[in-house]
N, C-alpha and C. Protein backbone atom coordinates (compact mmCIF):
# COMPACT_ATOMS: atom_id res chain seq x y z
N MET A 1 102.63 115.47 106.18
CA MET A 1 102.62 114.15 105.25
C MET A 1 103.76 114.14 104.35
N ASN A 2 104.03 115.16 103.86
CA ASN A 2 104.82 115.34 102.56
C ASN A 2 106.87 114.82 103.15
N GLN A 3 107.00 114.89 104.43
CA GLN A 3 107.92 114.87 104.84
C GLN A 3 108.03 113.32 105.03
N TYR A 4 107.44 112.51 104.56
CA TYR A 4 107.23 110.88 104.44
C TYR A 4 107.50 110.22 103.37
N THR A 5 107.37 110.87 102.44
CA THR A 5 107.36 110.44 100.67
C THR A 5 108.42 110.34 99.99
N ASN A 6 109.95 110.32 100.92
CA ASN A 6 111.22 109.81 100.29
C ASN A 6 111.41 108.43 101.45
N TYR A 7 110.11 108.19 102.22
CA TYR A 7 110.79 106.96 102.69
C TYR A 7 110.74 105.35 101.99
N THR A 8 111.16 104.82 102.53
CA THR A 8 110.92 103.59 101.46
C THR A 8 109.60 103.05 102.66
N ASP A 9 108.86 101.67 101.21
CA ASP A 9 107.96 100.89 102.15
C ASP A 9 108.18 100.53 103.66
N GLU A 10 109.21 99.65 103.32
CA GLU A 10 109.67 99.19 105.05
C GLU A 10 110.27 100.42 106.26
N GLN A 11 110.42 101.62 105.62
CA GLN A 11 110.82 102.59 106.47
C GLN A 11 109.36 103.07 107.44
N LEU A 12 108.16 103.49 106.06
CA LEU A 12 106.77 103.96 106.64
C LEU A 12 106.41 102.79 107.85
N ALA A 13 106.39 101.36 107.26
CA ALA A 13 105.57 100.70 107.96
C ALA A 13 106.13 100.36 109.21
N CYS A 14 107.70 100.25 109.45
CA CYS A 14 108.18 100.66 110.79
C CYS A 14 107.78 101.59 111.63
N GLN A 15 107.64 103.41 110.99
CA GLN A 15 107.49 104.07 111.56
C GLN A 15 106.06 103.99 111.81
N MET A 16 105.29 103.74 111.48
CA MET A 16 103.58 103.07 111.87
C MET A 16 103.49 102.17 113.28
N GLN A 17 104.21 101.36 112.79
CA GLN A 17 104.10 100.25 113.63
C GLN A 17 104.59 101.47 115.33
N ARG A 18 105.82 102.07 114.99
CA ARG A 18 106.08 102.83 116.31
C ARG A 18 104.72 103.71 117.12
N ALA A 19 104.22 104.31 115.99
CA ALA A 19 103.38 105.39 116.14
C ALA A 19 101.71 104.80 116.83
N PHE A 20 101.68 103.39 116.44
CA PHE A 20 100.07 103.38 116.96
C PHE A 20 99.59 103.66 118.05
N ARG A 21 100.34 103.52 118.65
CA ARG A 21 99.80 103.61 120.41
C ARG A 21 99.87 105.18 120.71
N ASP A 22 100.74 106.08 120.44
CA ASP A 22 101.27 107.31 120.75
C ASP A 22 101.28 108.31 120.13
N GLU A 23 100.71 108.15 118.97
CA GLU A 23 100.52 108.73 117.59
C GLU A 23 100.03 108.75 116.81
N PRO A 24 98.33 108.30 116.91
CA PRO A 24 97.89 107.55 115.87
C PRO A 24 97.65 108.45 114.80
N GLU A 25 97.49 109.73 115.04
CA GLU A 25 97.34 110.59 113.63
C GLU A 25 99.22 110.54 112.83
N LYS A 26 100.22 110.59 113.43
CA LYS A 26 101.08 110.02 112.61
C LYS A 26 100.97 108.96 111.65
N ALA A 27 100.36 107.83 112.72
CA ALA A 27 100.63 106.47 111.83
C ALA A 27 99.21 106.58 110.89
N SER A 28 98.27 107.15 110.62
CA SER A 28 97.82 107.28 109.36
C SER A 28 98.46 108.25 108.84
N ASP A 29 98.86 108.66 108.82
CA ASP A 29 99.63 109.84 107.76
C ASP A 29 100.48 108.65 106.88
N LEU A 30 101.41 108.12 107.82
CA LEU A 30 102.03 107.12 107.15
C LEU A 30 101.52 106.14 106.43
N PHE A 31 100.16 105.53 106.69
CA PHE A 31 99.49 104.92 105.88
C PHE A 31 99.11 105.55 104.85
N THR A 32 98.26 106.77 104.55
CA THR A 32 98.21 107.34 103.40
C THR A 32 99.15 107.37 102.85
N VAL A 33 100.50 107.87 102.67
CA VAL A 33 101.90 107.77 102.38
C VAL A 33 101.88 106.50 101.08
N LEU A 34 101.81 104.89 102.00
CA LEU A 34 101.56 103.73 101.73
C LEU A 34 100.43 103.73 100.74
N TYR A 35 98.99 104.38 101.10
CA TYR A 35 98.37 103.64 100.26
C TYR A 35 98.39 104.49 98.57
N ARG A 36 98.51 105.78 98.94
CA ARG A 36 98.79 106.44 97.40
C ARG A 36 99.83 105.88 96.77
N ARG A 37 100.93 105.47 97.60
CA ARG A 37 101.48 104.92 96.29
C ARG A 37 101.94 103.56 96.07
N HIS A 38 100.64 102.89 96.44
CA HIS A 38 100.48 101.32 95.65
C HIS A 38 98.87 101.09 95.30
N GLU A 39 98.23 102.15 95.39
CA GLU A 39 96.68 102.08 94.96
C GLU A 39 96.28 102.06 93.78
N GLN A 40 97.03 102.49 92.70
CA GLN A 40 97.02 102.99 91.62
C GLN A 40 97.02 101.16 90.90
N ARG A 41 98.29 100.69 91.16
CA ARG A 41 98.93 99.10 90.70
C ARG A 41 97.50 98.00 91.22
N VAL A 42 96.78 98.12 92.76
CA VAL A 42 96.35 96.89 93.00
C VAL A 42 95.02 97.23 92.28
N ARG A 43 94.83 98.62 92.32
CA ARG A 43 93.41 98.73 91.18
C ARG A 43 93.86 98.11 90.12
N LEU A 44 94.59 98.43 89.15
CA LEU A 44 94.92 98.34 88.21
C LEU A 44 94.65 96.45 87.38
N TYR A 45 95.18 96.02 88.68
CA TYR A 45 95.67 94.40 88.66
C TYR A 45 94.35 93.70 89.37
N SER A 46 93.53 94.69 90.22
CA SER A 46 91.95 94.03 90.28
C SER A 46 91.33 94.08 89.25
N VAL A 47 90.83 95.53 88.67
CA VAL A 47 89.61 95.48 87.43
C VAL A 47 90.40 94.17 86.52
N ARG A 48 91.22 94.25 85.91
CA ARG A 48 91.63 94.10 84.64
C ARG A 48 91.55 92.27 85.29
N MET A 49 92.24 91.65 86.37
CA MET A 49 91.95 90.43 86.75
C MET A 49 89.83 90.13 86.67
N LEU A 50 89.66 91.09 87.23
CA LEU A 50 88.44 91.04 87.82
C LEU A 50 86.81 91.44 86.47
N SER A 51 87.27 92.10 85.97
CA SER A 51 86.62 92.62 84.89
C SER A 51 85.48 93.46 85.05
N ASP A 52 86.04 93.92 86.61
CA ASP A 52 84.41 94.59 87.27
C ASP A 52 85.22 95.53 88.13
N THR A 53 84.98 97.02 87.90
CA THR A 53 85.51 97.95 89.01
C THR A 53 84.49 97.89 89.85
N GLU A 54 83.16 97.97 90.31
CA GLU A 54 83.10 97.54 91.67
C GLU A 54 83.62 96.62 92.25
N LEU A 55 83.76 95.41 92.43
CA LEU A 55 84.24 94.30 93.06
C LEU A 55 85.83 94.48 92.91
N ALA A 56 86.16 94.81 92.02
CA ALA A 56 87.93 95.35 92.09
C ALA A 56 87.99 96.07 93.39
N ARG A 57 86.78 97.65 93.49
CA ARG A 57 86.91 98.51 94.42
C ARG A 57 86.89 97.94 95.94
N ASP A 58 86.37 96.61 95.60
CA ASP A 58 85.91 96.16 97.44
C ASP A 58 87.69 95.37 97.46
N ILE A 59 87.98 94.95 96.23
CA ILE A 59 89.43 94.08 96.76
C ILE A 59 90.46 94.95 97.43
N LEU A 60 90.30 96.42 96.49
CA LEU A 60 91.36 97.48 96.81
C LEU A 60 91.00 97.33 98.01
N GLN A 61 90.02 98.18 98.53
CA GLN A 61 89.98 97.97 100.12
C GLN A 61 89.96 96.94 100.97
N GLU A 62 89.81 95.96 100.69
CA GLU A 62 89.93 94.73 101.35
C GLU A 62 91.81 94.46 101.84
N THR A 63 92.09 94.71 100.68
CA THR A 63 93.89 94.53 100.43
C THR A 63 94.70 95.66 101.87
N PHE A 64 94.06 96.86 101.70
CA PHE A 64 94.71 97.77 102.55
C PHE A 64 94.19 97.65 104.19
N VAL A 65 92.75 97.17 104.23
CA VAL A 65 92.51 96.37 105.60
C VAL A 65 93.59 95.50 105.60
N ARG A 66 93.72 94.75 105.39
CA ARG A 66 94.85 93.47 105.61
C ARG A 66 95.77 93.91 105.88
N LEU A 67 96.70 95.19 105.25
CA LEU A 67 97.76 95.50 105.41
C LEU A 67 97.99 96.25 106.54
N TYR A 68 96.74 97.19 106.63
CA TYR A 68 96.87 98.07 108.20
C TYR A 68 96.73 97.04 109.40
N ASN A 69 95.92 96.11 109.06
CA ASN A 69 95.44 95.27 110.16
C ASN A 69 97.52 94.29 110.39
N THR A 70 98.09 94.09 109.47
CA THR A 70 99.14 93.25 109.78
C THR A 70 100.20 94.13 110.32
N LEU A 71 99.81 95.25 110.07
CA LEU A 71 101.13 96.07 110.90
C LEU A 71 100.40 96.33 112.01
N ALA A 72 99.54 96.80 112.57
CA ALA A 72 99.07 96.98 113.57
C ALA A 72 98.94 96.18 114.63
N GLU A 73 99.25 94.77 114.25
CA GLU A 73 99.47 93.32 114.94
C GLU A 73 101.09 93.35 115.24
N GLY A 74 101.77 94.36 114.68
CA GLY A 74 103.17 94.48 115.06
C GLY A 74 104.31 93.18 113.96
N LYS A 75 103.17 92.45 112.64
CA LYS A 75 103.79 92.08 111.89
C LYS A 75 105.01 92.57 111.07
N VAL A 76 106.38 92.03 111.36
CA VAL A 76 106.99 92.66 110.34
C VAL A 76 106.88 92.02 109.32
N ILE A 77 106.62 93.11 107.90
CA ILE A 77 106.40 92.06 106.54
C ILE A 77 107.73 92.50 105.58
N GLN A 78 108.52 92.00 104.73
CA GLN A 78 109.82 92.12 104.39
C GLN A 78 109.75 93.04 103.23
N ASN A 79 108.73 92.70 102.24
CA ASN A 79 108.56 93.04 100.96
C ASN A 79 106.98 94.24 100.77
N ILE A 80 106.91 94.86 101.20
CA ILE A 80 105.15 95.63 101.27
C ILE A 80 104.89 96.01 99.85
N SER A 81 105.38 96.32 99.29
CA SER A 81 105.01 96.37 97.24
C SER A 81 104.21 94.22 97.24
N ALA A 82 104.85 93.35 97.42
CA ALA A 82 104.97 91.93 97.20
C ALA A 82 104.09 91.75 97.83
N TYR A 83 103.77 91.97 99.30
CA TYR A 83 102.58 91.40 100.51
C TYR A 83 101.19 92.07 99.63
N ILE A 84 101.43 93.60 99.15
CA ILE A 84 100.15 93.94 98.46
C ILE A 84 99.60 93.27 97.63
N ILE A 85 100.19 93.25 96.02
CA ILE A 85 100.00 92.45 95.43
C ILE A 85 99.02 91.10 95.75
N ARG A 86 100.14 90.49 96.76
CA ARG A 86 99.93 89.27 96.76
C ARG A 86 98.62 89.08 97.41
N THR A 87 98.24 89.86 98.24
CA THR A 87 96.67 90.14 98.78
C THR A 87 95.87 90.38 98.26
N ALA A 88 96.17 91.05 97.38
CA ALA A 88 94.81 91.38 96.19
C ALA A 88 95.14 90.24 95.24
N ARG A 89 95.97 89.70 94.81
CA ARG A 89 96.02 88.60 94.09
C ARG A 89 95.18 87.48 94.61
N ASN A 90 95.49 87.20 96.05
CA ASN A 90 94.39 85.93 96.89
C ASN A 90 93.16 86.23 96.89
N LEU A 91 93.04 87.37 97.06
CA LEU A 91 91.53 87.86 97.20
C LEU A 91 90.78 87.88 95.69
N CYS A 92 91.62 88.54 94.98
CA CYS A 92 91.04 88.34 93.32
C CYS A 92 90.45 86.38 92.82
N PHE A 93 91.70 85.78 93.08
CA PHE A 93 91.36 84.29 92.74
C PHE A 93 90.29 83.87 94.13
N ASN A 94 90.23 83.75 95.12
CA ASN A 94 88.87 83.32 95.78
C ASN A 94 87.63 83.59 95.39
N LEU A 95 87.64 84.85 95.03
CA LEU A 95 86.34 85.82 94.28
C LEU A 95 86.32 85.09 92.99
N LYS A 96 86.77 85.04 92.32
CA LYS A 96 86.70 84.44 90.95
C LYS A 96 86.00 82.99 91.30
N ARG A 97 86.92 82.46 92.26
CA ARG A 97 86.77 81.02 92.71
C ARG A 97 84.99 80.87 93.18
N ASP A 98 84.82 81.33 93.80
CA ASP A 98 83.44 81.59 94.39
C ASP A 98 82.02 82.66 93.39
N THR A 99 82.52 83.26 92.47
CA THR A 99 81.80 83.61 91.53
C THR A 99 82.15 83.48 90.40
N LYS A 100 82.28 81.88 89.68
CA LYS A 100 82.76 81.87 88.32
C LYS A 100 81.88 81.73 87.23
N LYS A 101 82.22 82.98 86.49
CA LYS A 101 81.44 83.13 85.29
C LYS A 101 82.55 82.60 84.19
N THR A 102 81.48 82.36 83.09
CA THR A 102 81.93 82.14 81.58
C THR A 102 81.29 83.29 80.01
N ILE A 103 82.68 83.14 79.46
CA ILE A 103 82.94 84.59 78.63
C ILE A 103 82.90 83.68 77.37
N ARG A 104 82.00 83.93 76.25
CA ARG A 104 82.23 83.21 75.05
C ARG A 104 83.39 84.43 74.20
N VAL A 105 84.24 83.49 73.62
CA VAL A 105 85.26 83.99 72.50
C VAL A 105 84.37 85.36 71.58
N ASP A 106 83.19 84.84 70.98
CA ASP A 106 81.97 85.39 69.96
C ASP A 106 81.90 86.82 71.02
N GLU A 107 81.71 87.14 72.10
CA GLU A 107 81.48 87.87 72.34
C GLU A 107 82.35 89.04 72.45
N LEU A 108 83.57 89.11 71.71
CA LEU A 108 84.40 89.85 71.43
C LEU A 108 83.94 90.33 70.27
N GLU A 109 83.30 90.22 69.94
CA GLU A 109 82.44 90.56 68.05
C GLU A 109 81.33 91.70 68.91
N ILE A 110 81.29 92.31 70.27
CA ILE A 110 79.97 93.01 70.48
C ILE A 110 81.08 94.51 70.48
N ALA A 111 80.70 95.71 70.74
CA ALA A 111 81.13 96.80 71.18
C ALA A 111 82.34 97.00 72.49
N LEU A 112 83.48 97.58 72.06
CA LEU A 112 84.48 97.21 72.88
C LEU A 112 84.19 98.06 73.70
N PRO A 113 84.24 98.01 75.11
CA PRO A 113 84.37 99.20 76.27
C PRO A 113 85.51 100.06 76.33
N VAL A 114 85.18 101.23 76.74
CA VAL A 114 86.55 102.21 76.88
C VAL A 114 86.58 102.68 77.48
N GLN A 115 87.77 102.31 78.43
CA GLN A 115 87.82 103.07 80.25
C GLN A 115 88.54 103.74 80.15
N ASN A 116 88.50 104.84 80.70
CA ASN A 116 89.79 106.07 81.00
C ASN A 116 90.15 105.86 82.14
N GLY A 117 91.56 106.17 81.95
CA GLY A 117 92.11 106.93 83.67
C GLY A 117 93.71 105.49 84.16
N PHE A 118 93.70 104.90 83.36
CA PHE A 118 94.52 103.79 83.83
C PHE A 118 95.70 103.85 83.88
N GLY A 119 96.04 105.02 83.85
CA GLY A 119 97.68 106.11 83.74
C GLY A 119 98.69 106.13 82.76
N HIS A 120 98.03 105.58 81.75
CA HIS A 120 99.49 105.41 80.72
C HIS A 120 99.35 106.40 79.91
N VAL A 121 100.59 107.29 79.87
CA VAL A 121 100.78 108.39 79.18
C VAL A 121 100.48 108.36 77.64
N ASN A 122 100.76 107.32 76.95
CA ASN A 122 101.10 106.48 75.40
C ASN A 122 98.84 106.71 75.33
N HIS A 123 98.59 107.94 74.25
CA HIS A 123 97.12 106.93 74.40
C HIS A 123 96.88 106.40 73.28
N GLU A 124 97.51 105.89 72.29
CA GLU A 124 97.85 104.60 71.43
C GLU A 124 97.77 103.77 72.50
N HIS A 125 99.09 103.66 73.01
CA HIS A 125 99.41 102.33 74.10
C HIS A 125 97.81 102.32 75.15
N ASN A 126 97.59 103.32 75.41
CA ASN A 126 96.17 103.28 76.11
C ASN A 126 95.38 102.56 75.73
N GLU A 127 95.01 103.31 74.98
CA GLU A 127 93.70 102.32 73.49
C GLU A 127 93.61 100.97 73.76
N LEU A 128 95.02 100.72 73.50
CA LEU A 128 95.55 99.34 72.37
C LEU A 128 94.86 98.28 73.86
N LEU A 129 95.67 99.18 75.12
CA LEU A 129 95.53 97.97 76.42
C LEU A 129 94.12 98.13 77.18
N GLU A 130 93.45 99.16 76.76
CA GLU A 130 91.64 98.74 76.76
C GLU A 130 91.04 97.96 75.99
N ILE A 131 91.63 97.80 74.80
CA ILE A 131 90.71 96.14 74.39
C ILE A 131 91.47 95.53 74.52
N ILE A 132 92.58 95.15 74.84
CA ILE A 132 93.33 93.95 74.84
C ILE A 132 92.63 93.45 76.60
N GLY A 133 91.98 94.66 77.56
CA GLY A 133 91.25 94.21 78.59
C GLY A 133 90.38 93.39 78.42
N VAL A 134 89.35 93.52 77.38
CA VAL A 134 88.09 92.75 76.67
C VAL A 134 88.44 91.01 76.50
N ALA A 135 89.63 91.01 75.94
CA ALA A 135 90.10 90.03 75.50
C ALA A 135 90.80 88.88 76.44
N LEU A 136 91.39 89.50 77.32
CA LEU A 136 92.12 88.88 78.48
C LEU A 136 91.08 88.10 79.33
N ASP A 137 89.41 88.38 79.40
CA ASP A 137 88.48 87.31 79.96
C ASP A 137 88.68 85.74 79.26
N CYS A 138 89.24 85.41 77.90
CA CYS A 138 89.22 84.49 77.29
C CYS A 138 90.35 83.72 77.73
N LEU A 139 91.54 84.55 78.32
CA LEU A 139 92.58 83.62 78.88
C LEU A 139 92.56 82.68 79.90
N ASP A 140 93.07 81.59 79.84
CA ASP A 140 93.40 80.84 81.36
C ASP A 140 93.87 82.08 82.43
N ASP A 141 93.78 81.84 83.32
CA ASP A 141 94.04 82.77 84.56
C ASP A 141 95.29 83.11 84.66
N GLU A 142 96.35 81.68 84.70
CA GLU A 142 97.57 82.01 84.61
C GLU A 142 98.53 82.93 83.45
N TYR A 143 98.13 82.66 82.23
CA TYR A 143 98.28 83.59 81.15
C TYR A 143 97.83 84.84 81.52
N LYS A 144 96.28 85.00 81.85
CA LYS A 144 96.03 86.41 81.79
C LYS A 144 96.17 87.41 83.07
N GLU A 145 96.89 86.84 84.32
CA GLU A 145 97.68 87.28 85.36
C GLU A 145 99.27 88.03 84.98
N ALA A 146 99.58 87.01 84.18
CA ALA A 146 100.84 87.02 84.01
C ALA A 146 101.60 88.69 83.14
N PHE A 147 100.13 88.62 82.50
CA PHE A 147 100.09 89.53 80.77
C PHE A 147 100.00 90.71 81.91
N ILE A 148 99.10 90.80 82.66
CA ILE A 148 99.03 91.74 83.94
C ILE A 148 99.59 92.55 84.65
N LEU A 149 100.34 91.65 85.11
CA LEU A 149 101.08 92.04 86.44
C LEU A 149 102.51 92.79 85.54
N ARG A 150 102.79 91.91 84.24
CA ARG A 150 103.91 92.61 82.98
C ARG A 150 103.26 93.88 82.50
N TYR A 151 102.43 94.24 82.02
CA TYR A 151 101.84 95.61 81.33
C TYR A 151 101.30 96.76 82.28
N TYR A 152 100.26 95.62 82.83
CA TYR A 152 99.65 96.92 83.69
C TYR A 152 99.81 96.93 85.36
N SER A 153 100.79 96.13 85.96
CA SER A 153 101.51 96.81 86.95
C SER A 153 102.55 97.72 86.55
N GLU A 154 103.61 96.68 85.83
CA GLU A 154 105.10 97.12 85.05
C GLU A 154 105.62 96.57 85.88
N MET A 155 105.52 95.30 86.12
CA MET A 155 106.45 94.51 87.08
C MET A 155 107.65 93.70 85.99
N SER A 156 108.65 93.44 86.93
CA SER A 156 109.62 92.74 85.92
C SER A 156 109.52 90.87 85.87
N TYR A 157 109.83 90.48 84.93
CA TYR A 157 109.69 89.14 85.53
C TYR A 157 109.70 88.50 86.51
N GLU A 158 110.60 88.93 86.97
CA GLU A 158 111.74 88.28 88.47
C GLU A 158 110.45 89.08 89.52
N GLU A 159 109.75 89.99 89.64
CA GLU A 159 108.60 90.41 90.46
C GLU A 159 107.68 89.79 90.20
N ILE A 160 107.21 89.19 89.15
CA ILE A 160 105.87 88.25 88.61
C ILE A 160 106.16 87.07 89.21
N ALA A 161 107.73 86.23 88.88
CA ALA A 161 107.69 85.44 89.72
C ALA A 161 107.60 85.36 90.89
N ASP A 162 107.75 86.21 91.34
CA ASP A 162 108.17 86.28 92.94
C ASP A 162 106.43 86.09 93.80
N ILE A 163 105.71 87.08 93.10
CA ILE A 163 103.98 87.11 93.12
C ILE A 163 103.63 85.75 92.94
N THR A 164 103.81 85.11 92.33
CA THR A 164 102.94 84.07 91.41
C THR A 164 103.88 82.41 91.85
N GLY A 165 104.53 82.72 92.47
CA GLY A 165 105.53 81.23 92.75
C GLY A 165 106.42 80.15 91.81
N THR A 166 106.48 81.57 91.10
CA THR A 166 107.13 80.30 89.65
C THR A 166 108.79 81.08 89.25
N SER A 167 109.46 80.43 88.31
CA SER A 167 110.58 81.05 88.10
C SER A 167 110.40 82.32 86.80
N ALA A 168 111.96 83.30 87.02
CA ALA A 168 111.27 84.31 85.89
C ALA A 168 111.37 84.03 84.69
N THR A 169 112.07 82.65 84.39
CA THR A 169 112.43 82.46 83.09
C THR A 169 110.29 81.53 82.62
N ASN A 170 109.90 80.78 83.75
CA ASN A 170 108.31 80.24 83.64
C ASN A 170 107.33 81.57 83.30
N ALA A 171 107.44 82.85 83.88
CA ALA A 171 106.85 84.20 84.14
C ALA A 171 107.18 84.81 82.41
N ALA A 172 108.13 84.75 82.09
CA ALA A 172 108.34 85.46 81.01
C ALA A 172 107.89 84.57 79.87
N SER A 173 107.30 83.43 80.10
CA SER A 173 107.18 82.20 79.09
C SER A 173 105.57 82.55 79.03
N ARG A 174 104.64 82.38 80.29
CA ARG A 174 103.91 83.16 80.00
C ARG A 174 103.08 83.92 79.59
N VAL A 175 103.96 85.18 79.96
CA VAL A 175 103.76 86.50 79.22
C VAL A 175 103.66 86.44 77.64
N PHE A 176 104.83 85.70 77.10
CA PHE A 176 104.79 85.36 75.77
C PHE A 176 103.72 84.39 74.92
N ARG A 177 103.02 83.37 76.12
CA ARG A 177 102.33 82.99 75.34
C ARG A 177 101.09 83.12 75.28
N ALA A 178 100.63 84.24 76.49
CA ALA A 178 99.44 85.23 76.71
C ALA A 178 99.29 86.14 75.55
N LYS A 179 100.81 86.81 75.04
CA LYS A 179 100.40 87.78 73.85
C LYS A 179 100.11 86.80 72.59
N GLN A 180 100.45 85.55 72.64
CA GLN A 180 100.34 84.93 71.34
C GLN A 180 99.01 84.47 71.08
N LYS A 181 98.20 84.00 72.58
CA LYS A 181 96.90 84.31 72.66
C LYS A 181 95.82 85.16 72.08
N LEU A 182 96.14 85.82 72.81
CA LEU A 182 95.82 87.75 72.58
C LEU A 182 95.66 88.03 70.89
N LYS A 183 96.75 87.73 70.38
CA LYS A 183 97.06 88.31 69.24
C LYS A 183 95.98 87.53 68.18
N ASP A 184 96.17 85.76 68.56
CA ASP A 184 95.14 85.03 67.72
C ASP A 184 93.57 85.66 68.55
N LEU A 185 93.25 85.80 68.94
CA LEU A 185 91.83 86.45 69.72
C LEU A 185 91.55 87.83 68.67
N LEU A 186 92.83 88.68 68.55
CA LEU A 186 92.52 89.77 68.63
C LEU A 186 92.83 90.05 66.96
N ALA A 187 93.15 89.29 66.16
CA ALA A 187 93.48 89.30 64.87
C ALA A 187 92.19 89.61 64.01
N ARG A 188 90.85 89.61 64.54
CA ARG A 188 89.95 90.14 63.19
C ARG A 188 90.08 92.15 63.91
N TYR A 189 90.53 92.20 64.79
CA TYR A 189 90.27 93.55 64.69
C TYR A 189 91.70 94.02 64.18
N ARG A 190 92.68 93.33 63.33
CA ARG A 190 93.90 94.10 63.11
C ARG A 190 94.67 94.72 64.34
N ILE A 191 94.83 94.53 65.46
CA ILE A 191 95.25 94.83 66.63
C ILE A 191 96.77 93.94 66.49
N ASP A 192 97.90 95.07 66.66
CA ASP A 192 99.08 94.50 66.23
C ASP A 192 100.09 94.20 68.17
N ILE A 193 99.48 93.43 68.46
CA ILE A 193 100.14 93.23 70.29
C ILE A 193 101.69 93.12 69.99
N GLU A 194 102.08 93.37 68.59
CA GLU A 194 103.98 93.31 69.12
C GLU A 194 104.38 94.17 69.07
N ARG A 195 103.56 95.35 69.48
CA ARG A 195 103.76 96.70 69.38
C ARG A 195 104.17 97.04 70.97
N MET A 196 103.65 96.00 72.00
CA MET A 196 104.17 95.90 73.16
C MET A 196 105.42 95.17 73.63
N THR A 197 106.47 96.37 73.73
CA THR A 197 107.68 95.50 73.57
C THR A 197 107.93 95.45 74.98
N ASP A 198 108.78 94.63 75.32
CA ASP A 198 108.99 94.06 76.52
C ASP A 198 110.24 94.54 76.99
């Protein structure tokens, strides 16, 4: 499997499609490389958008099932990374629409959950992101999503614009407004959100 790690996403997809019929084991190995490459980004995005680890796991699985099926059907995907996050995004928004729930701002007064394993090297930065995750549920989806894509998925404004169907300028504006709203919400905890640099 290590021989495939230097392939681009698109090369992996192309090789998978060639291998589906005659070399199913090779196709499986290639797909595993794609999965490992993008699993964390989808998981982080889904957990933060849904605030539910179990539902996020379902989104993760469904996202990669759809990727696998699309490639198995022989369809060409120009940008695998964008396809994956866009699929996860659509699944999350569909789920949120079907299971609408409200969160009161004053619920932020209760104990803040600390979750580990979000892959950030700097412990202080990781802790800050975990606390902010609680406040994110109080934001409108467009601001929440922009913030998550920027700071959890580490996407550029151009990538965020491509995923959300807006301009890079608008994406940057949404991230800025999300930070301002979070700063207001978290003022009582003296969380310095300005430590999160662009």
